């Protein structure tokens, strides 16, 4: 989601990415209007995108909480 994308700009290590082939299916062969990622490289197409397949959830939550703590007014 959007917050994770922003977090990855701040700290790219939050995401684990792979260079894979991505395409948008428009012909209805597999689906219609969906992004299709060839994670097993079965189609033989050249990789054309860095695709995030995993995220460090703990680091992401920690970053979000630290950000919120800096921007929220202190009590008292």
PDB file of N, CA and C in Angstrom:
ATOM      1  N   UNK A   1       0.825  -1.183   0.000  1.00  0.00           N
ATOM      2  CA  UNK A   1       0.000   0.000   0.000  1.00  0.00           C
ATOM      3  C   UNK A   1       0.865   1.239   0.000  1.00  0.00           C
ATOM      4  N   UNK A   2       0.247   2.406  -0.067  1.00  0.00           N
ATOM      5  CA  UNK A   2       0.991   3.655  -0.251  1.00  0.00           C
ATOM      6  C   UNK A   2       2.047   3.891   0.819  1.00  0.00           C
ATOM      7  N   UNK A   3       1.709   3.650   2.079  1.00  0.00           N
ATOM      8  CA  UNK A   3       2.672   3.901   3.160  1.00  0.00           C
ATOM      9  C   UNK A   3       3.899   3.004   3.018  1.00  0.00           C
ATOM     10  N   UNK A   4       3.709   1.784   2.578  1.00  0.00           N
ATOM     11  CA  UNK A   4       4.844   0.880   2.382  1.00  0.00           C
ATOM     12  C   UNK A   4       5.726   1.368   1.244  1.00  0.00           C
ATOM     13  N   UNK A   5       5.141   1.898   0.186  1.00  0.00           N
ATOM     14  CA  UNK A   5       5.927   2.460  -0.923  1.00  0.00           C
ATOM     15  C   UNK A   5       6.777   3.628  -0.446  1.00  0.00           C
ATOM     16  N   UNK A   6       6.199   4.498   0.358  1.00  0.00           N
ATOM     17  CA  UNK A   6       6.951   5.638   0.891  1.00  0.00           C
ATOM     18  C   UNK A   6       8.065   5.143   1.816  1.00  0.00           C
ATOM     19  N   UNK A   7       7.755   4.166   2.658  1.00  0.00           N
ATOM     20  CA  UNK A   7       8.762   3.613   3.564  1.00  0.00           C
ATOM     21  C   UNK A   7       9.929   3.024   2.777  1.00  0.00           C
ATOM     22  N   UNK A   8       9.649   2.384   1.659  1.00  0.00           N
ATOM     23  CA  UNK A   8      10.707   1.792   0.836  1.00  0.00           C
ATOM     24  C   UNK A   8      11.582   2.852   0.177  1.00  0.00           C
ATOM     25  N   UNK A   9      11.038   4.033  -0.059  1.00  0.00           N
ATOM     26  CA  UNK A   9      11.854   5.130  -0.584  1.00  0.00           C
ATOM     27  C   UNK A   9      12.826   5.592   0.507  1.00  0.00           C
ATOM     28  N   UNK A  10      12.332   5.676   1.733  1.00  0.00           N
ATOM     29  CA  UNK A  10      13.168   6.089   2.860  1.00  0.00           C
ATOM     30  C   UNK A  10      14.208   5.021   3.174  1.00  0.00           C
ATOM     31  N   UNK A  11      13.791   3.749   3.181  1.00  0.00           N
ATOM     32  CA  UNK A  11      14.687   2.637   3.511  1.00  0.00           C
ATOM     33  C   UNK A  11      14.401   1.468   2.570  1.00  0.00           C
ATOM     34  N   UNK A  12      15.120   1.381   1.443  1.00  0.00           N
ATOM     35  CA  UNK A  12      14.873   0.323   0.460  1.00  0.00           C
ATOM     36  C   UNK A  12      15.013  -1.098   1.020  1.00  0.00           C
ATOM     37  N   UNK A  13      15.723  -1.265   2.126  1.00  0.00           N
ATOM     38  CA  UNK A  13      15.901  -2.596   2.712  1.00  0.00           C
ATOM     39  C   UNK A  13      14.601  -3.158   3.284  1.00  0.00           C
ATOM     40  N   UNK A  14      13.574  -2.338   3.396  1.00  0.00           N
ATOM     41  CA  UNK A  14      12.285  -2.811   3.906  1.00  0.00           C
ATOM     42  C   UNK A  14      11.659  -3.820   2.940  1.00  0.00           C
ATOM     43  N   UNK A  15      11.931  -3.667   1.654  1.00  0.00           N
ATOM     44  CA  UNK A  15      11.365  -4.568   0.652  1.00  0.00           C
ATOM     45  C   UNK A  15      12.400  -5.548   0.129  1.00  0.00           C
ATOM     46  N   UNK A  16      11.952  -6.735  -0.187  1.00  0.00           N
ATOM     47  CA  UNK A  16      12.767  -7.705  -0.912  1.00  0.00           C
ATOM     48  C   UNK A  16      12.219  -7.724  -2.333  1.00  0.00           C
ATOM     49  N   UNK A  17      13.067  -7.348  -3.295  1.00  0.00           N
ATOM     50  CA  UNK A  17      12.609  -7.263  -4.681  1.00  0.00           C
ATOM     51  C   UNK A  17      13.340  -8.261  -5.563  1.00  0.00           C
ATOM     52  N   UNK A  18      12.716  -8.557  -6.691  1.00  0.00           N
ATOM     53  CA  UNK A  18      13.298  -9.430  -7.709  1.00  0.00           C
ATOM     54  C   UNK A  18      13.056  -8.781  -9.074  1.00  0.00           C
ATOM     55  N   UNK A  19      14.019  -8.921  -9.971  1.00  0.00           N
ATOM     56  CA  UNK A  19      13.855  -8.402 -11.322  1.00  0.00           C
ATOM     57  C   UNK A  19      13.120  -9.460 -12.138  1.00  0.00           C
ATOM     58  N   UNK A  20      11.887  -9.141 -12.526  1.00  0.00           N
ATOM     59  CA  UNK A  20      11.014 -10.093 -13.214  1.00  0.00           C
ATOM     60  C   UNK A  20      10.293  -9.406 -14.368  1.00  0.00           C
ATOM     61  N   UNK A  21       9.617 -10.209 -15.169  1.00  0.00           N
ATOM     62  CA  UNK A  21       8.806  -9.644 -16.248  1.00  0.00           C
ATOM     63  C   UNK A  21       7.405  -9.354 -15.719  1.00  0.00           C
ATOM     64  N   UNK A  22       6.959  -8.116 -15.961  1.00  0.00           N
ATOM     65  CA  UNK A  22       5.610  -7.696 -15.582  1.00  0.00           C
ATOM     66  C   UNK A  22       4.885  -7.220 -16.830  1.00  0.00           C
ATOM     67  N   UNK A  23       3.604  -7.514 -16.895  1.00  0.00           N
ATOM     68  CA  UNK A  23       2.797  -7.103 -18.035  1.00  0.00           C
ATOM     69  C   UNK A  23       1.363  -6.902 -17.563  1.00  0.00           C
ATOM     70  N   UNK A  24       0.616  -6.091 -18.282  1.00  0.00           N
ATOM     71  CA  UNK A  24      -0.797  -5.915 -17.976  1.00  0.00           C
ATOM     72  C   UNK A  24      -1.580  -6.726 -18.997  1.00  0.00           C
ATOM     73  N   UNK A  25      -2.372  -7.654 -18.511  1.00  0.00           N
ATOM     74  CA  UNK A  25      -3.168  -8.534 -19.365  1.00  0.00           C
ATOM     75  C   UNK A  25      -4.366  -7.757 -19.892  1.00  0.00           C
ATOM     76  N   UNK A  26      -4.451  -7.605 -21.208  1.00  0.00           N
ATOM     77  CA  UNK A  26      -5.574  -6.880 -21.814  1.00  0.00           C
ATOM     78  C   UNK A  26      -6.389  -7.738 -22.769  1.00  0.00           C
ATOM     79  N   UNK A  27      -5.863  -8.900 -23.138  1.00  0.00           N
ATOM     80  CA  UNK A  27      -6.564  -9.723 -24.120  1.00  0.00           C
ATOM     81  C   UNK A  27      -7.520 -10.722 -23.489  1.00  0.00           C
ATOM     82  N   UNK A  28      -7.472 -10.877 -22.184  1.00  0.00           N
ATOM     83  CA  UNK A  28      -8.345 -11.827 -21.519  1.00  0.00           C
ATOM     84  C   UNK A  28      -7.810 -13.246 -21.534  1.00  0.00           C
ATOM     85  N   UNK A  29      -6.566 -13.431 -21.970  1.00  0.00           N
ATOM     86  CA  UNK A  29      -5.974 -14.770 -22.002  1.00  0.00           C
ATOM     87  C   UNK A  29      -5.852 -15.364 -20.602  1.00  0.00           C
ATOM     88  N   UNK A  30      -5.350 -14.567 -19.651  1.00  0.00           N
ATOM     89  CA  UNK A  30      -5.218 -15.025 -18.268  1.00  0.00           C
ATOM     90  C   UNK A  30      -6.212 -14.323 -17.350  1.00  0.00           C
ATOM     91  N   UNK A  31      -6.407 -13.060 -17.610  1.00  0.00           N
ATOM     92  CA  UNK A  31      -7.294 -12.211 -16.823  1.00  0.00           C
ATOM     93  C   UNK A  31      -7.485 -10.925 -17.627  1.00  0.00           C
ATOM     94  N   UNK A  32      -8.266 -10.002 -17.160  1.00  0.00           N
ATOM     95  CA  UNK A  32      -8.467  -8.755 -17.909  1.00  0.00           C
ATOM     96  C   UNK A  32      -8.112  -7.566 -17.018  1.00  0.00           C
ATOM     97  N   UNK A  33      -7.154  -6.748 -17.479  1.00  0.00           N
ATOM     98  CA  UNK A  33      -6.787  -5.542 -16.767  1.00  0.00           C
ATOM     99  C   UNK A  33      -5.961  -5.763 -15.520  1.00  0.00           C
ATOM    100  N   UNK A  34      -5.385  -6.933 -15.372  1.00  0.00           N
ATOM    101  CA  UNK A  34      -4.575  -7.225 -14.195  1.00  0.00           C
ATOM    102  C   UNK A  34      -3.097  -7.224 -14.547  1.00  0.00           C
ATOM    103  N   UNK A  35      -2.290  -6.865 -13.563  1.00  0.00           N
ATOM    104  CA  UNK A  35      -0.849  -6.963 -13.731  1.00  0.00           C
ATOM    105  C   UNK A  35      -0.458  -8.418 -13.500  1.00  0.00           C
ATOM    106  N   UNK A  36       0.275  -8.974 -14.446  1.00  0.00           N
ATOM    107  CA  UNK A  36       0.704 -10.374 -14.357  1.00  0.00           C
ATOM    108  C   UNK A  36       2.228 -10.388 -14.230  1.00  0.00           C
ATOM    109  N   UNK A  37       2.724 -11.045 -13.195  1.00  0.00           N
ATOM    110  CA  UNK A  37       4.158 -11.145 -12.945  1.00  0.00           C
ATOM    111  C   UNK A  37       4.570 -12.593 -13.165  1.00  0.00           C
ATOM    112  N   UNK A  38       5.578 -12.786 -14.010  1.00  0.00           N
ATOM    113  CA  UNK A  38       6.082 -14.130 -14.302  1.00  0.00           C
ATOM    114  C   UNK A  38       7.150 -14.488 -13.273  1.00  0.00           C
ATOM    115  N   UNK A  39       6.704 -14.921 -12.091  1.00  0.00           N
ATOM    116  CA  UNK A  39       7.630 -15.188 -10.991  1.00  0.00           C
ATOM    117  C   UNK A  39       8.507 -16.410 -11.232  1.00  0.00           C
ATOM    118  N   UNK A  40       8.091 -17.294 -12.125  1.00  0.00           N
ATOM    119  CA  UNK A  40       8.866 -18.512 -12.398  1.00  0.00           C
ATOM    120  C   UNK A  40       9.593 -18.455 -13.743  1.00  0.00           C
ATOM    121  N   UNK A  41       9.496 -17.306 -14.409  1.00  0.00           N
ATOM    122  CA  UNK A  41      10.155 -17.074 -15.702  1.00  0.00           C
ATOM    123  C   UNK A  41       9.831 -18.165 -16.719  1.00  0.00           C
ATOM    124  N   UNK A  42       8.582 -18.560 -16.758  1.00  0.00           N
ATOM    125  CA  UNK A  42       8.118 -19.611 -17.672  1.00  0.00           C
ATOM    126  C   UNK A  42       7.877 -19.116 -19.085  1.00  0.00           C
ATOM    127  N   UNK A  43       7.569 -17.835 -19.233  1.00  0.00           N
ATOM    128  CA  UNK A  43       7.230 -17.317 -20.564  1.00  0.00           C
ATOM    129  C   UNK A  43       8.452 -16.926 -21.369  1.00  0.00           C
ATOM    130  N   UNK A  44       9.616 -16.866 -20.731  1.00  0.00           N
ATOM    131  CA  UNK A  44      10.845 -16.530 -21.433  1.00  0.00           C
ATOM    132  C   UNK A  44      10.998 -15.062 -21.776  1.00  0.00           C
ATOM    133  N   UNK A  45      10.141 -14.216 -21.237  1.00  0.00           N
ATOM    134  CA  UNK A  45      10.208 -12.776 -21.518  1.00  0.00           C
ATOM    135  C   UNK A  45      11.295 -12.137 -20.659  1.00  0.00           C
ATOM    136  N   UNK A  46      11.933 -11.121 -21.230  1.00  0.00           N
ATOM    137  CA  UNK A  46      12.986 -10.404 -20.513  1.00  0.00           C
ATOM    138  C   UNK A  46      12.405  -9.695 -19.284  1.00  0.00           C
ATOM    139  N   UNK A  47      13.102  -9.757 -18.156  1.00  0.00           N
ATOM    140  CA  UNK A  47      12.648  -9.004 -16.983  1.00  0.00           C
ATOM    141  C   UNK A  47      12.586  -7.509 -17.309  1.00  0.00           C
ATOM    142  N   UNK A  48      11.541  -6.848 -16.831  1.00  0.00           N
ATOM    143  CA  UNK A  48      11.366  -5.424 -17.126  1.00  0.00           C
ATOM    144  C   UNK A  48      10.924  -4.612 -15.910  1.00  0.00           C
ATOM    145  N   UNK A  49      10.964  -5.235 -14.716  1.00  0.00           N
ATOM    146  CA  UNK A  49      10.509  -4.518 -13.529  1.00  0.00           C
ATOM    147  C   UNK A  49      11.152  -5.080 -12.267  1.00  0.00           C
ATOM    148  N   UNK A  50      11.340  -4.203 -11.295  1.00  0.00           N
ATOM    149  CA  UNK A  50      11.725  -4.639  -9.955  1.00  0.00           C
ATOM    150  C   UNK A  50      10.421  -4.864  -9.204  1.00  0.00           C
ATOM    151  N   UNK A  51      10.184  -6.082  -8.782  1.00  0.00           N
ATOM    152  CA  UNK A  51       8.912  -6.453  -8.162  1.00  0.00           C
ATOM    153  C   UNK A  51       9.155  -6.792  -6.696  1.00  0.00           C
ATOM    154  N   UNK A  52       8.415  -6.142  -5.812  1.00  0.00           N
ATOM    155  CA  UNK A  52       8.516  -6.430  -4.383  1.00  0.00           C
ATOM    156  C   UNK A  52       7.703  -7.680  -4.077  1.00  0.00           C
ATOM    157  N   UNK A  53       8.368  -8.675  -3.501  1.00  0.00           N
ATOM    158  CA  UNK A  53       7.683  -9.918  -3.171  1.00  0.00           C
ATOM    159  C   UNK A  53       7.588 -10.163  -1.672  1.00  0.00           C
ATOM    160  N   UNK A  54       8.293  -9.345  -0.893  1.00  0.00           N
ATOM    161  CA  UNK A  54       8.246  -9.511   0.552  1.00  0.00           C
ATOM    162  C   UNK A  54       8.603  -8.180   1.206  1.00  0.00           C
ATOM    163  N   UNK A  55       8.185  -8.030   2.440  1.00  0.00           N
ATOM    164  CA  UNK A  55       8.492  -6.808   3.180  1.00  0.00           C
ATOM    165  C   UNK A  55       8.840  -7.170   4.618  1.00  0.00           C
ATOM    166  N   UNK A  56       9.686  -6.362   5.214  1.00  0.00           N
ATOM    167  CA  UNK A  56      10.031  -6.518   6.625  1.00  0.00           C
ATOM    168  C   UNK A  56       8.967  -5.795   7.432  1.00  0.00           C
ATOM    169  N   UNK A  57       7.955  -6.537   7.827  1.00  0.00           N
ATOM    170  CA  UNK A  57       6.815  -5.951   8.524  1.00  0.00           C
ATOM    171  C   UNK A  57       7.185  -5.265   9.821  1.00  0.00           C
ATOM    172  N   UNK A  58       8.094  -5.868  10.588  1.00  0.00           N
ATOM    173  CA  UNK A  58       8.499  -5.267  11.858  1.00  0.00           C
ATOM    174  C   UNK A  58       9.192  -3.928  11.636  1.00  0.00           C
ATOM    175  N   UNK A  59      10.087  -3.862  10.661  1.00  0.00           N
ATOM    176  CA  UNK A  59      10.787  -2.603  10.368  1.00  0.00           C
ATOM    177  C   UNK A  59       9.801  -1.544   9.878  1.00  0.00           C
ATOM    178  N   UNK A  60       8.831  -1.962   9.065  1.00  0.00           N
ATOM    179  CA  UNK A  60       7.831  -1.027   8.552  1.00  0.00           C
ATOM    180  C   UNK A  60       6.994  -0.445   9.692  1.00  0.00           C
ATOM    181  N   UNK A  61       6.500  -1.295  10.579  1.00  0.00           N
ATOM    182  CA  UNK A  61       5.675  -0.823  11.699  1.00  0.00           C
ATOM    183  C   UNK A  61       6.502   0.081  12.609  1.00  0.00           C
ATOM    184  N   UNK A  62       7.742  -0.304  12.865  1.00  0.00           N
ATOM    185  CA  UNK A  62       8.620   0.517  13.700  1.00  0.00           C
ATOM    186  C   UNK A  62       8.796   1.919  13.076  1.00  0.00           C
ATOM    187  N   UNK A  63       9.042   1.951  11.752  1.00  0.00           N
ATOM    188  CA  UNK A  63       9.212   3.229  11.068  1.00  0.00           C
ATOM    189  C   UNK A  63       7.944   4.073  11.162  1.00  0.00           C
ATOM    190  N   UNK A  64       6.795   3.446  10.969  1.00  0.00           N
ATOM    191  CA  UNK A  64       5.528   4.185  11.043  1.00  0.00           C
ATOM    192  C   UNK A  64       5.312   4.745  12.447  1.00  0.00           C
ATOM    193  N   UNK A  65       5.544   3.931  13.484  1.00  0.00           N
ATOM    194  CA  UNK A  65       5.330   4.388  14.853  1.00  0.00           C
ATOM    195  C   UNK A  65       6.298   5.511  15.219  1.00  0.00           C
ATOM    196  N   UNK A  66       7.554   5.400  14.766  1.00  0.00           N
ATOM    197  CA  UNK A  66       8.519   6.468  15.019  1.00  0.00           C
ATOM    198  C   UNK A  66       8.106   7.757  14.315  1.00  0.00           C
ATOM    199  N   UNK A  67       7.585   7.629  13.111  1.00  0.00           N
ATOM    200  CA  UNK A  67       7.129   8.805  12.364  1.00  0.00           C
ATOM    201  C   UNK A  67       5.940   9.453  13.056  1.00  0.00           C
ATOM    202  N   UNK A  68       4.973   8.627  13.471  1.00  0.00           N
ATOM    203  CA  UNK A  68       3.810   9.170  14.172  1.00  0.00           C
ATOM    204  C   UNK A  68       4.220   9.840  15.482  1.00  0.00           C
ATOM    205  N   UNK A  69       5.150   9.237  16.196  1.00  0.00           N
ATOM    206  CA  UNK A  69       5.598   9.797  17.480  1.00  0.00           C
ATOM    207  C   UNK A  69       6.228  11.179  17.297  1.00  0.00           C
ATOM    208  N   UNK A  70       6.915  11.387  16.173  1.00  0.00           N
ATOM    209  CA  UNK A  70       7.544  12.691  15.915  1.00  0.00           C
ATOM    210  C   UNK A  70       6.518  13.753  15.528  1.00  0.00           C
ATOM    211  N   UNK A  71       5.390  13.342  14.958  1.00  0.00           N
ATOM    212  CA  UNK A  71       4.445  14.318  14.424  1.00  0.00           C
ATOM    213  C   UNK A  71       3.239  14.556  15.315  1.00  0.00           C
ATOM    214  N   UNK A  72       2.994  13.683  16.291  1.00  0.00           N
ATOM    215  CA  UNK A  72       1.850  13.879  17.183  1.00  0.00           C
ATOM    216  C   UNK A  72       2.217  14.864  18.287  1.00  0.00           C
ATOM    217  N   UNK A  73       1.273  15.735  18.665  1.00  0.00           N
ATOM    218  CA  UNK A  73       1.567  16.658  19.766  1.00  0.00           C
ATOM    219  C   UNK A  73       1.740  15.869  21.063  1.00  0.00           C
ATOM    220  N   UNK A  74       2.630  16.335  21.904  1.00  0.00           N
ATOM    221  CA  UNK A  74       2.859  15.638  23.169  1.00  0.00           C
ATOM    222  C   UNK A  74       1.731  15.959  24.143  1.00  0.00           C
ATOM    223  N   UNK A  75       1.433  14.984  24.979  1.00  0.00           N
ATOM    224  CA  UNK A  75       0.375  15.168  25.984  1.00  0.00           C
ATOM    225  C   UNK A  75       0.911  16.031  27.119  1.00  0.00           C
ATOM    226  N   UNK A  76       0.074  16.889  27.648  1.00  0.00           N
ATOM    227  CA  UNK A  76       0.468  17.642  28.822  1.00  0.00           C
ATOM    228  C   UNK A  76       0.608  19.031  28.572  1.00  0.00           C
TER     229      UNK A  76
END
